[in-house]
N, C-alpha and C. Protein backbone atom coordinates (compact mmCIF):
# COMPACT_ATOMS: atom_id res chain seq x y z
N MET A 1 -10.06 -15.16 78.77
CA MET A 1 -11.07 -14.08 78.53
C MET A 1 -10.59 -13.15 77.46
N LEU A 2 -9.44 -12.80 77.41
CA LEU A 2 -8.88 -11.87 76.41
C LEU A 2 -8.93 -12.52 74.97
N LYS A 3 -8.58 -13.76 74.96
CA LYS A 3 -8.60 -14.55 73.71
C LYS A 3 -9.98 -14.66 73.21
N PHE A 4 -10.92 -14.87 74.00
CA PHE A 4 -12.31 -15.08 73.70
C PHE A 4 -12.88 -13.71 73.09
N LEU A 5 -12.54 -12.60 73.83
CA LEU A 5 -12.94 -11.26 73.38
C LEU A 5 -12.44 -11.02 71.94
N ARG A 6 -11.19 -11.35 71.75
CA ARG A 6 -10.60 -11.06 70.44
C ARG A 6 -11.20 -11.89 69.32
N ALA A 7 -11.65 -13.13 69.74
CA ALA A 7 -12.08 -14.06 68.74
C ALA A 7 -13.52 -13.73 68.27
N ILE A 8 -14.38 -13.30 69.24
CA ILE A 8 -15.91 -13.20 68.87
C ILE A 8 -16.59 -12.01 69.43
N LEU A 9 -16.24 -11.58 70.64
CA LEU A 9 -17.03 -10.54 71.34
C LEU A 9 -18.51 -11.01 71.39
N PRO A 10 -18.80 -11.69 72.47
CA PRO A 10 -20.12 -12.35 72.69
C PRO A 10 -21.31 -11.45 72.52
N ILE A 11 -22.39 -12.05 72.04
CA ILE A 11 -23.63 -11.23 71.70
C ILE A 11 -24.11 -10.52 73.00
N LEU A 12 -24.08 -11.10 74.03
CA LEU A 12 -24.59 -10.39 75.23
C LEU A 12 -23.84 -9.15 75.40
N PHE A 13 -22.45 -9.19 75.22
CA PHE A 13 -21.66 -8.01 75.39
C PHE A 13 -22.07 -6.96 74.44
N LEU A 14 -22.23 -7.31 73.28
CA LEU A 14 -22.62 -6.31 72.16
C LEU A 14 -23.96 -5.73 72.40
N SER A 15 -24.95 -6.42 73.08
CA SER A 15 -26.17 -5.87 73.36
C SER A 15 -26.06 -4.85 74.45
N GLN A 16 -25.07 -5.11 75.42
CA GLN A 16 -24.81 -4.07 76.39
C GLN A 16 -24.25 -2.85 75.86
N ILE A 17 -23.34 -2.96 74.88
CA ILE A 17 -22.80 -1.81 74.21
C ILE A 17 -23.92 -1.00 73.56
N ALA A 18 -24.90 -1.75 72.87
CA ALA A 18 -25.96 -1.00 72.19
C ALA A 18 -26.81 -0.24 73.14
N MET A 19 -26.92 -0.72 74.41
CA MET A 19 -27.80 -0.03 75.37
C MET A 19 -27.01 1.05 76.07
N ALA A 20 -25.76 1.31 75.76
CA ALA A 20 -24.93 2.25 76.55
C ALA A 20 -25.54 3.68 76.42
N GLN A 21 -25.17 4.45 77.41
CA GLN A 21 -25.71 5.80 77.41
C GLN A 21 -24.59 6.78 77.04
N SER A 22 -23.36 6.26 76.75
CA SER A 22 -22.34 7.11 76.19
C SER A 22 -21.40 6.41 75.26
N ASP A 23 -20.63 7.11 74.49
CA ASP A 23 -19.64 6.50 73.65
C ASP A 23 -18.65 5.77 74.51
N TYR A 24 -18.11 4.63 73.94
CA TYR A 24 -16.92 4.07 74.62
C TYR A 24 -16.19 3.15 73.76
N VAL A 25 -14.89 2.88 74.17
CA VAL A 25 -14.12 1.96 73.53
C VAL A 25 -13.84 0.77 74.37
N VAL A 26 -13.51 -0.31 73.80
CA VAL A 26 -13.08 -1.57 74.52
C VAL A 26 -11.63 -1.80 74.10
N LEU A 27 -10.81 -1.80 75.10
CA LEU A 27 -9.30 -1.99 74.83
C LEU A 27 -9.16 -3.50 74.63
N ASN A 28 -8.00 -3.84 73.99
CA ASN A 28 -7.59 -5.24 73.80
C ASN A 28 -7.42 -5.99 75.11
N THR A 29 -7.26 -5.26 76.22
CA THR A 29 -7.13 -5.87 77.49
C THR A 29 -8.43 -6.35 78.10
N GLY A 30 -9.58 -5.86 77.45
CA GLY A 30 -10.92 -6.12 77.89
C GLY A 30 -11.48 -4.92 78.68
N ASP A 31 -10.66 -3.94 79.01
CA ASP A 31 -11.21 -2.73 79.78
C ASP A 31 -12.05 -1.81 78.86
N THR A 32 -13.10 -1.27 79.54
CA THR A 32 -14.04 -0.33 78.83
C THR A 32 -13.74 1.05 79.30
N ILE A 33 -13.59 1.95 78.37
CA ILE A 33 -13.46 3.43 78.62
C ILE A 33 -14.45 4.19 78.10
N HIS A 34 -15.32 4.90 78.86
CA HIS A 34 -16.30 5.84 78.41
C HIS A 34 -15.59 7.05 77.93
N CYS A 35 -15.99 7.65 76.82
CA CYS A 35 -15.29 8.70 76.17
C CYS A 35 -16.12 9.52 75.34
N ASN A 36 -15.53 10.52 74.77
CA ASN A 36 -16.06 11.42 73.73
C ASN A 36 -15.12 11.20 72.45
N PHE A 37 -15.78 11.17 71.25
CA PHE A 37 -15.08 11.04 70.11
C PHE A 37 -15.02 12.31 69.35
N GLN A 38 -13.87 12.52 68.58
CA GLN A 38 -13.76 13.55 67.62
C GLN A 38 -12.73 13.31 66.63
N ARG A 39 -12.74 14.05 65.53
CA ARG A 39 -11.67 13.79 64.48
C ARG A 39 -10.51 14.57 64.68
N GLY A 40 -9.37 14.07 64.38
CA GLY A 40 -8.15 14.72 64.51
C GLY A 40 -7.89 15.52 63.29
N LYS A 41 -6.72 16.21 63.29
CA LYS A 41 -6.32 17.11 62.14
C LYS A 41 -6.36 16.36 60.80
N LYS A 42 -5.99 15.11 60.78
CA LYS A 42 -5.87 14.30 59.55
C LYS A 42 -7.10 13.46 59.33
N GLY A 43 -8.10 13.80 60.16
CA GLY A 43 -9.34 13.02 59.97
C GLY A 43 -9.44 11.71 60.77
N MET A 44 -8.40 11.41 61.49
CA MET A 44 -8.35 10.12 62.30
C MET A 44 -9.32 10.27 63.50
N LEU A 45 -10.09 9.19 63.70
CA LEU A 45 -10.99 9.19 64.87
C LEU A 45 -10.19 9.08 66.15
N MET A 46 -10.46 10.07 67.15
CA MET A 46 -9.78 10.10 68.37
C MET A 46 -10.81 9.96 69.52
N PHE A 47 -10.31 9.50 70.64
CA PHE A 47 -11.22 9.46 71.80
C PHE A 47 -10.63 10.05 72.98
N ASN A 48 -11.45 10.77 73.73
CA ASN A 48 -11.03 11.50 74.89
C ASN A 48 -11.73 10.87 76.15
N PRO A 49 -11.09 10.19 77.08
CA PRO A 49 -11.74 9.54 78.21
C PRO A 49 -12.49 10.57 79.06
N ILE A 50 -13.74 10.27 79.43
CA ILE A 50 -14.46 11.18 80.21
C ILE A 50 -13.99 11.26 81.68
N ALA A 51 -13.31 10.19 82.15
CA ALA A 51 -12.65 10.22 83.48
C ALA A 51 -11.42 11.07 83.42
N GLY A 52 -10.94 11.48 82.36
CA GLY A 52 -9.65 12.35 82.30
C GLY A 52 -8.59 11.54 81.63
N GLY A 53 -7.62 12.28 81.12
CA GLY A 53 -6.53 11.63 80.39
C GLY A 53 -6.33 12.27 79.08
N ILE A 54 -5.38 11.84 78.35
CA ILE A 54 -4.97 12.44 77.02
C ILE A 54 -5.90 11.90 75.90
N MET A 55 -6.01 12.60 74.84
CA MET A 55 -6.74 12.17 73.76
C MET A 55 -5.92 11.20 72.93
N ARG A 56 -6.54 10.06 72.55
CA ARG A 56 -5.81 9.00 71.83
C ARG A 56 -6.45 8.56 70.64
N PRO A 57 -5.69 8.09 69.65
CA PRO A 57 -6.38 7.54 68.48
C PRO A 57 -7.05 6.20 68.60
N VAL A 58 -8.16 6.07 67.81
CA VAL A 58 -8.83 4.81 67.82
C VAL A 58 -8.21 3.90 66.77
N ILE A 59 -7.27 2.95 67.22
CA ILE A 59 -6.60 2.06 66.29
C ILE A 59 -6.78 0.64 66.82
N ALA A 60 -6.71 -0.26 65.77
CA ALA A 60 -6.96 -1.67 66.10
C ALA A 60 -5.79 -2.30 66.85
N ASP A 61 -4.65 -1.66 66.89
CA ASP A 61 -3.53 -2.25 67.70
C ASP A 61 -3.87 -2.34 69.15
N SER A 62 -4.70 -1.43 69.71
CA SER A 62 -4.88 -1.30 71.09
C SER A 62 -6.41 -1.37 71.42
N ILE A 63 -7.26 -1.20 70.41
CA ILE A 63 -8.72 -1.24 70.67
C ILE A 63 -9.41 -2.42 69.98
N SER A 64 -10.25 -3.20 70.65
CA SER A 64 -10.93 -4.30 70.00
C SER A 64 -12.30 -3.91 69.40
N ALA A 65 -12.94 -2.79 69.99
CA ALA A 65 -14.27 -2.39 69.60
C ALA A 65 -14.54 -1.07 70.14
N TYR A 66 -15.56 -0.31 69.45
CA TYR A 66 -15.95 0.90 69.97
C TYR A 66 -17.40 1.11 69.64
N PHE A 67 -18.06 1.94 70.40
CA PHE A 67 -19.58 2.16 70.22
C PHE A 67 -19.84 3.67 70.05
N LEU A 68 -20.68 4.03 69.04
CA LEU A 68 -20.98 5.41 68.79
C LEU A 68 -22.57 5.50 69.27
N LYS A 69 -22.65 6.37 70.19
CA LYS A 69 -24.11 6.54 70.83
C LYS A 69 -25.10 7.15 69.81
N LYS A 70 -24.51 8.06 68.93
CA LYS A 70 -25.51 8.88 68.08
C LYS A 70 -26.36 8.01 67.10
N ASP A 71 -25.75 6.90 66.68
CA ASP A 71 -26.47 5.99 65.80
C ASP A 71 -26.40 4.58 66.19
N LYS A 72 -26.04 4.43 67.52
CA LYS A 72 -26.00 3.02 68.07
C LYS A 72 -25.16 2.09 67.20
N SER A 73 -24.09 2.48 66.62
CA SER A 73 -23.26 1.71 65.90
C SER A 73 -22.14 0.99 66.63
N VAL A 74 -21.97 -0.23 66.35
CA VAL A 74 -20.78 -1.04 67.07
C VAL A 74 -19.80 -1.33 65.98
N PHE A 75 -18.53 -1.02 66.19
CA PHE A 75 -17.47 -1.32 65.32
C PHE A 75 -16.50 -2.38 65.96
N ILE A 76 -16.00 -3.32 65.24
CA ILE A 76 -15.20 -4.34 65.82
C ILE A 76 -13.97 -4.58 64.94
N ALA A 77 -12.83 -4.62 65.59
CA ALA A 77 -11.61 -4.87 64.86
C ALA A 77 -11.47 -6.32 64.34
N LYS A 78 -11.41 -6.51 63.05
CA LYS A 78 -11.29 -7.75 62.43
C LYS A 78 -10.23 -7.78 61.39
N LYS A 79 -9.59 -8.97 61.17
CA LYS A 79 -8.69 -9.22 60.04
C LYS A 79 -9.54 -9.51 58.81
N LEU A 80 -9.27 -8.77 57.73
CA LEU A 80 -9.96 -9.05 56.53
C LEU A 80 -9.27 -10.16 55.79
N PRO A 81 -9.98 -10.95 54.99
CA PRO A 81 -9.43 -12.14 54.20
C PRO A 81 -8.14 -11.72 53.39
N GLY A 82 -7.02 -12.40 53.65
CA GLY A 82 -5.79 -12.12 52.99
C GLY A 82 -4.99 -10.93 53.53
N GLU A 83 -5.40 -10.35 54.65
CA GLU A 83 -4.72 -9.21 55.19
C GLU A 83 -4.22 -9.51 56.59
N ASP A 84 -3.16 -8.81 56.97
CA ASP A 84 -2.46 -9.11 58.30
C ASP A 84 -2.92 -8.12 59.46
N LYS A 85 -3.21 -6.92 58.95
CA LYS A 85 -3.66 -5.93 59.98
C LYS A 85 -5.22 -5.86 60.15
N LYS A 86 -5.63 -5.50 61.36
CA LYS A 86 -7.11 -5.45 61.46
C LYS A 86 -7.69 -4.10 61.08
N LYS A 87 -8.98 -4.11 60.76
CA LYS A 87 -9.61 -2.92 60.40
C LYS A 87 -10.98 -2.89 61.19
N PHE A 88 -11.58 -1.72 61.46
CA PHE A 88 -12.69 -1.71 62.16
C PHE A 88 -13.94 -1.86 61.18
N LEU A 89 -14.76 -2.85 61.52
CA LEU A 89 -15.94 -3.15 60.67
C LEU A 89 -17.16 -2.87 61.50
N ALA A 90 -18.17 -2.29 60.81
CA ALA A 90 -19.52 -2.16 61.47
C ALA A 90 -20.29 -3.42 61.57
N ALA A 91 -20.69 -3.72 62.85
CA ALA A 91 -21.41 -5.06 63.08
C ALA A 91 -22.91 -4.77 62.75
N LEU A 92 -23.28 -5.38 61.61
CA LEU A 92 -24.76 -5.21 61.21
C LEU A 92 -25.58 -6.12 61.87
N GLU A 93 -25.23 -7.47 61.89
CA GLU A 93 -25.94 -8.48 62.56
C GLU A 93 -25.09 -9.43 63.33
N GLN A 94 -25.57 -9.77 64.52
CA GLN A 94 -24.90 -10.72 65.42
C GLN A 94 -25.73 -11.88 65.74
N GLY A 95 -25.11 -13.15 65.66
CA GLY A 95 -25.90 -14.30 66.01
C GLY A 95 -25.04 -15.52 65.66
N ARG A 96 -25.70 -16.59 65.20
CA ARG A 96 -24.92 -17.75 64.71
C ARG A 96 -24.12 -17.35 63.49
N ILE A 97 -24.56 -16.42 62.67
CA ILE A 97 -23.86 -15.74 61.66
C ILE A 97 -23.69 -14.32 61.92
N ASP A 98 -22.50 -13.77 61.82
CA ASP A 98 -22.26 -12.39 62.12
C ASP A 98 -22.03 -11.72 60.69
N LEU A 99 -22.62 -10.52 60.56
CA LEU A 99 -22.42 -9.73 59.35
C LEU A 99 -21.78 -8.43 59.58
N TYR A 100 -20.73 -8.09 58.79
CA TYR A 100 -20.03 -6.84 59.07
C TYR A 100 -19.92 -6.06 57.70
N GLN A 101 -19.74 -4.78 57.83
CA GLN A 101 -19.53 -3.91 56.70
C GLN A 101 -18.41 -2.99 56.89
N LEU A 102 -17.60 -2.86 55.75
CA LEU A 102 -16.54 -1.93 55.72
C LEU A 102 -16.93 -0.84 54.70
N ALA A 103 -17.16 0.33 55.05
CA ALA A 103 -17.55 1.42 54.15
C ALA A 103 -16.41 2.43 54.08
N GLN A 104 -16.03 2.85 52.98
CA GLN A 104 -14.95 3.74 52.81
C GLN A 104 -15.21 4.87 51.85
N THR A 105 -14.70 6.09 52.03
CA THR A 105 -14.77 7.12 51.00
C THR A 105 -13.39 7.65 50.71
N TYR A 106 -13.14 7.97 49.47
CA TYR A 106 -11.87 8.49 49.11
C TYR A 106 -12.15 9.45 47.90
N LYS A 107 -11.15 10.31 47.71
CA LYS A 107 -11.27 11.41 46.73
C LYS A 107 -10.41 11.03 45.46
N THR A 108 -10.92 11.25 44.32
CA THR A 108 -10.19 11.06 43.09
C THR A 108 -9.70 12.48 42.61
N ALA A 109 -8.50 12.45 42.11
CA ALA A 109 -7.81 13.76 41.64
C ALA A 109 -8.48 14.24 40.37
N GLY A 110 -8.65 15.54 40.20
CA GLY A 110 -9.02 16.12 38.92
C GLY A 110 -7.82 16.02 37.89
N PHE A 111 -8.18 16.07 36.54
CA PHE A 111 -7.19 16.04 35.55
C PHE A 111 -7.79 16.68 34.29
N SER A 112 -6.86 17.05 33.41
CA SER A 112 -7.23 17.62 32.11
C SER A 112 -6.37 17.10 30.97
N ILE A 113 -6.84 17.10 29.78
CA ILE A 113 -5.98 16.71 28.63
C ILE A 113 -5.52 17.95 27.88
N SER A 114 -4.28 18.25 27.95
CA SER A 114 -3.72 19.51 27.29
C SER A 114 -4.12 19.59 25.89
N GLY A 115 -4.63 20.91 25.47
CA GLY A 115 -4.98 21.13 24.09
C GLY A 115 -6.38 20.69 23.65
N MET A 116 -7.16 19.98 24.55
CA MET A 116 -8.41 19.41 24.09
C MET A 116 -9.51 20.12 24.85
N PRO A 117 -10.35 20.93 24.26
CA PRO A 117 -11.36 21.77 24.86
C PRO A 117 -12.40 20.80 25.57
N GLY A 118 -12.82 21.21 26.71
CA GLY A 118 -13.85 20.35 27.47
C GLY A 118 -13.29 19.12 27.99
N SER A 119 -12.00 18.99 28.18
CA SER A 119 -11.46 17.83 28.71
C SER A 119 -10.99 17.92 30.13
N SER A 120 -11.49 18.84 30.88
CA SER A 120 -11.10 18.97 32.28
C SER A 120 -12.14 18.27 33.14
N TYR A 121 -11.59 17.55 34.06
CA TYR A 121 -12.52 16.69 34.92
C TYR A 121 -12.03 17.02 36.40
N GLY A 122 -13.10 17.38 37.14
CA GLY A 122 -12.91 17.73 38.58
C GLY A 122 -12.75 16.56 39.42
N ALA A 123 -12.18 16.82 40.56
CA ALA A 123 -12.09 15.72 41.70
C ALA A 123 -13.42 15.32 42.07
N ALA A 124 -13.56 14.12 42.60
CA ALA A 124 -14.77 13.57 43.14
C ALA A 124 -14.63 12.74 44.34
N THR A 125 -15.67 12.59 45.10
CA THR A 125 -15.63 11.73 46.29
C THR A 125 -16.33 10.42 45.90
N VAL A 126 -15.66 9.33 46.15
CA VAL A 126 -16.15 8.00 45.69
C VAL A 126 -16.34 7.15 46.90
N GLY A 127 -17.44 6.46 47.06
CA GLY A 127 -17.72 5.54 48.12
C GLY A 127 -17.63 4.12 47.76
N SER A 128 -17.16 3.29 48.68
CA SER A 128 -17.16 1.80 48.46
C SER A 128 -17.57 1.16 49.59
N PHE A 129 -17.97 -0.08 49.43
CA PHE A 129 -18.39 -0.89 50.62
C PHE A 129 -18.13 -2.36 50.37
N ASP A 130 -17.89 -3.09 51.43
CA ASP A 130 -17.70 -4.50 51.41
C ASP A 130 -18.48 -5.23 52.59
N LEU A 131 -19.11 -6.27 52.24
CA LEU A 131 -19.75 -7.04 53.29
C LEU A 131 -19.01 -8.29 53.60
N TYR A 132 -18.84 -8.58 54.88
CA TYR A 132 -18.19 -9.85 55.32
C TYR A 132 -19.03 -10.56 56.29
N ALA A 133 -18.96 -11.85 56.35
CA ALA A 133 -19.70 -12.66 57.19
C ALA A 133 -18.89 -13.81 57.73
N LYS A 134 -19.29 -14.35 58.89
CA LYS A 134 -18.56 -15.46 59.48
C LYS A 134 -19.55 -16.25 60.39
N LYS A 135 -19.23 -17.53 60.61
CA LYS A 135 -20.00 -18.36 61.48
C LYS A 135 -19.54 -18.22 62.91
N ILE A 136 -20.40 -18.46 63.87
CA ILE A 136 -20.10 -18.36 65.28
C ILE A 136 -18.96 -19.37 65.60
N ASN A 137 -18.13 -18.91 66.57
CA ASN A 137 -16.94 -19.69 66.99
C ASN A 137 -15.84 -19.90 66.08
N THR A 138 -15.90 -19.01 64.94
CA THR A 138 -14.76 -19.01 64.02
C THR A 138 -14.35 -17.50 63.91
N ASP A 139 -13.20 -17.31 63.35
CA ASP A 139 -12.73 -15.83 63.20
C ASP A 139 -12.38 -15.62 61.74
N SER A 140 -12.77 -16.65 60.90
CA SER A 140 -12.51 -16.51 59.44
C SER A 140 -13.66 -15.76 58.69
N LEU A 141 -13.30 -14.58 58.18
CA LEU A 141 -14.27 -13.83 57.55
C LEU A 141 -14.40 -14.24 56.08
N TYR A 142 -15.62 -14.23 55.46
CA TYR A 142 -15.88 -14.47 54.09
C TYR A 142 -16.27 -13.17 53.34
N THR A 143 -15.75 -12.85 52.24
CA THR A 143 -16.26 -11.64 51.50
C THR A 143 -17.56 -12.12 50.83
N ILE A 144 -18.65 -11.37 51.15
CA ILE A 144 -20.00 -11.79 50.65
C ILE A 144 -20.52 -10.73 49.52
N LYS A 145 -20.11 -9.47 49.59
CA LYS A 145 -20.67 -8.53 48.68
C LYS A 145 -19.74 -7.36 48.60
N THR A 146 -19.47 -6.83 47.46
CA THR A 146 -18.64 -5.63 47.31
C THR A 146 -19.12 -4.84 46.02
N ASN A 147 -18.79 -3.57 46.14
CA ASN A 147 -19.00 -2.71 44.92
C ASN A 147 -17.64 -2.18 44.37
N THR A 148 -16.56 -2.73 44.87
CA THR A 148 -15.25 -2.37 44.45
C THR A 148 -14.91 -3.11 43.17
N ILE A 149 -14.18 -2.51 42.23
CA ILE A 149 -13.79 -3.06 41.00
C ILE A 149 -12.74 -4.13 41.21
N PHE A 150 -11.77 -3.81 41.96
CA PHE A 150 -10.58 -4.72 42.23
C PHE A 150 -10.89 -5.61 43.46
N ASN A 151 -11.10 -6.84 43.34
CA ASN A 151 -11.44 -7.73 44.46
C ASN A 151 -10.81 -9.13 44.14
N LYS A 152 -10.33 -9.71 45.24
CA LYS A 152 -9.64 -10.96 45.05
C LYS A 152 -10.70 -12.19 44.80
N THR A 153 -11.96 -11.94 45.03
CA THR A 153 -12.87 -12.96 44.79
C THR A 153 -13.90 -12.59 43.72
N SER A 154 -14.40 -13.65 43.02
CA SER A 154 -15.38 -13.28 42.02
C SER A 154 -16.78 -13.35 42.60
N ALA A 155 -17.74 -12.77 41.85
CA ALA A 155 -19.16 -12.76 42.32
C ALA A 155 -19.66 -14.14 42.58
N LYS A 156 -19.24 -15.06 41.74
CA LYS A 156 -19.63 -16.47 41.95
C LYS A 156 -19.11 -17.11 43.25
N GLN A 157 -17.80 -16.80 43.51
CA GLN A 157 -17.28 -17.21 44.80
C GLN A 157 -17.90 -16.67 45.99
N ARG A 158 -18.20 -15.31 45.90
CA ARG A 158 -18.88 -14.70 47.04
C ARG A 158 -20.30 -15.32 47.33
N LYS A 159 -21.00 -15.60 46.32
CA LYS A 159 -22.32 -16.17 46.48
C LYS A 159 -22.21 -17.54 47.00
N GLU A 160 -21.24 -18.28 46.57
CA GLU A 160 -21.00 -19.65 47.01
C GLU A 160 -20.65 -19.77 48.45
N ALA A 161 -19.88 -18.70 48.87
CA ALA A 161 -19.46 -18.58 50.32
C ALA A 161 -20.71 -18.42 51.16
N PHE A 162 -21.58 -17.46 50.69
CA PHE A 162 -22.84 -17.22 51.38
C PHE A 162 -23.68 -18.38 51.52
N ASN A 163 -23.82 -19.17 50.38
CA ASN A 163 -24.57 -20.40 50.39
C ASN A 163 -24.09 -21.34 51.44
N THR A 164 -22.67 -21.37 51.54
CA THR A 164 -22.13 -22.35 52.56
C THR A 164 -22.49 -21.91 53.98
N LEU A 165 -22.54 -20.62 54.27
CA LEU A 165 -22.83 -20.17 55.58
C LEU A 165 -24.22 -20.44 56.02
N ILE A 166 -25.15 -20.45 55.09
CA ILE A 166 -26.53 -20.76 55.49
C ILE A 166 -26.92 -22.21 55.06
N GLY A 167 -25.94 -22.97 54.54
CA GLY A 167 -26.33 -24.23 53.96
C GLY A 167 -26.86 -25.29 54.92
N ASP A 168 -26.63 -25.08 56.23
CA ASP A 168 -27.09 -26.08 57.24
C ASP A 168 -28.57 -25.87 57.47
N ASP A 169 -29.16 -24.81 56.99
CA ASP A 169 -30.60 -24.60 57.05
C ASP A 169 -31.16 -24.75 55.72
N LYS A 170 -31.40 -26.03 55.34
CA LYS A 170 -31.83 -26.34 53.93
C LYS A 170 -33.02 -25.62 53.48
N ASP A 171 -34.01 -25.48 54.25
CA ASP A 171 -35.27 -24.77 53.88
C ASP A 171 -35.01 -23.32 53.57
N LEU A 172 -34.20 -22.72 54.38
CA LEU A 172 -33.84 -21.22 54.11
C LEU A 172 -32.95 -21.20 52.84
N LEU A 173 -32.06 -22.03 52.79
CA LEU A 173 -31.09 -21.94 51.55
C LEU A 173 -31.95 -22.15 50.30
N ASP A 174 -32.87 -23.11 50.29
CA ASP A 174 -33.71 -23.23 49.08
C ASP A 174 -34.58 -22.04 48.84
N PHE A 175 -35.11 -21.40 49.88
CA PHE A 175 -35.88 -20.18 49.75
C PHE A 175 -35.00 -19.04 49.14
N PHE A 176 -33.81 -18.96 49.65
CA PHE A 176 -32.89 -17.93 49.20
C PHE A 176 -32.53 -18.12 47.68
N LEU A 177 -32.20 -19.33 47.37
CA LEU A 177 -31.84 -19.66 45.93
C LEU A 177 -32.98 -19.43 44.98
N ALA A 178 -34.20 -19.62 45.47
CA ALA A 178 -35.36 -19.48 44.59
C ALA A 178 -35.58 -17.90 44.27
N LYS A 179 -35.08 -17.07 45.15
CA LYS A 179 -35.29 -15.64 44.98
C LYS A 179 -34.40 -15.08 43.79
N GLU A 180 -33.25 -15.71 43.62
CA GLU A 180 -32.35 -15.36 42.53
C GLU A 180 -32.06 -13.88 42.67
N GLU A 181 -31.81 -13.40 43.85
CA GLU A 181 -31.45 -11.97 44.10
C GLU A 181 -30.39 -11.95 45.15
N PHE A 182 -29.39 -11.10 44.93
CA PHE A 182 -28.22 -11.07 45.86
C PHE A 182 -27.92 -9.62 46.31
N SER A 183 -28.92 -8.83 46.70
CA SER A 183 -28.74 -7.55 47.03
C SER A 183 -28.37 -7.47 48.51
N VAL A 184 -27.84 -6.22 48.95
CA VAL A 184 -27.44 -6.09 50.33
C VAL A 184 -28.63 -6.40 51.23
N GLU A 185 -29.85 -5.85 50.86
CA GLU A 185 -31.00 -5.97 51.64
C GLU A 185 -31.33 -7.54 51.79
N VAL A 186 -31.28 -8.25 50.71
CA VAL A 186 -31.65 -9.69 50.69
C VAL A 186 -30.66 -10.44 51.59
N ILE A 187 -29.36 -10.16 51.50
CA ILE A 187 -28.25 -10.74 52.25
C ILE A 187 -28.60 -10.56 53.70
N ARG A 188 -28.88 -9.25 54.11
CA ARG A 188 -28.99 -8.99 55.54
C ARG A 188 -30.18 -9.56 56.01
N ASN A 189 -31.34 -9.52 55.26
CA ASN A 189 -32.60 -10.14 55.78
C ASN A 189 -32.49 -11.65 55.93
N THR A 190 -31.68 -12.33 54.97
CA THR A 190 -31.54 -13.76 55.09
C THR A 190 -30.80 -14.13 56.35
N ILE A 191 -29.74 -13.32 56.67
CA ILE A 191 -28.99 -13.62 57.82
C ILE A 191 -29.70 -13.40 59.11
N MET A 192 -30.51 -12.28 59.11
CA MET A 192 -31.50 -12.07 60.25
C MET A 192 -32.39 -13.20 60.48
N LEU A 193 -33.00 -13.75 59.40
CA LEU A 193 -33.95 -14.88 59.47
C LEU A 193 -33.12 -16.19 59.96
N TYR A 194 -32.00 -16.35 59.44
CA TYR A 194 -31.16 -17.53 59.75
C TYR A 194 -30.93 -17.52 61.29
N ASN A 195 -30.48 -16.34 61.79
CA ASN A 195 -30.20 -16.20 63.20
C ASN A 195 -31.45 -16.39 64.03
N LYS A 196 -32.61 -16.04 63.53
CA LYS A 196 -33.83 -16.18 64.28
C LYS A 196 -34.24 -17.63 64.32
N ARG A 197 -34.11 -18.32 63.15
CA ARG A 197 -34.44 -19.72 63.05
C ARG A 197 -33.38 -20.73 63.79
N ASN A 198 -32.16 -20.08 63.98
CA ASN A 198 -31.09 -20.94 64.53
C ASN A 198 -30.42 -20.08 65.69
N PRO A 199 -31.16 -19.92 66.77
CA PRO A 199 -30.67 -19.05 67.91
C PRO A 199 -29.42 -19.67 68.58
N VAL A 200 -28.56 -18.76 69.09
CA VAL A 200 -27.35 -19.22 69.81
C VAL A 200 -27.85 -19.72 71.22
N LYS A 201 -27.52 -20.85 71.73
CA LYS A 201 -27.92 -21.36 73.01
C LYS A 201 -26.97 -20.70 74.04
N GLN A 202 -27.60 -20.03 75.06
CA GLN A 202 -26.89 -19.35 76.06
C GLN A 202 -26.46 -20.38 77.13
């Protein structure tokens, strides 16, 4: 059971999370803890069990998934391609193809060039995102879309990976290729349509 949860987290289970009336985390042991979330002093997400207990950090070493009631978001701990440690990814679509997103924000430091008027630049907050997808019954994520400059895969490789994922539905693949568009919206809508056309047998 534990191995199965770590590998995929079944769709039925995720639908139960989405219907939850409170925030909660799912431990790597499979236990569910209803809780309240808040940010720690350094911005780390923490959870406080409703049933009582100490506040603890939300980390992938001990937690496989968590649910935020306010926007019905499900986050699942997954290993990114080429990385050893797991990170929490937002589950955007679930079905025969799963779609995940990693969104991050970070601050850039301000700087100035000595002696050059008008050369002072203030700090800024920069956002980045990556889309990952995988086929059911596998745990290998493919990088599908990113807005980061430094990435281990090329745009061509990412598009080819996506074509492979939907390739067993030839009609849908032909329709997708004819659009000649690879936006986030098109990717998500294509996966939604794929999952609808190829439902998971219960």
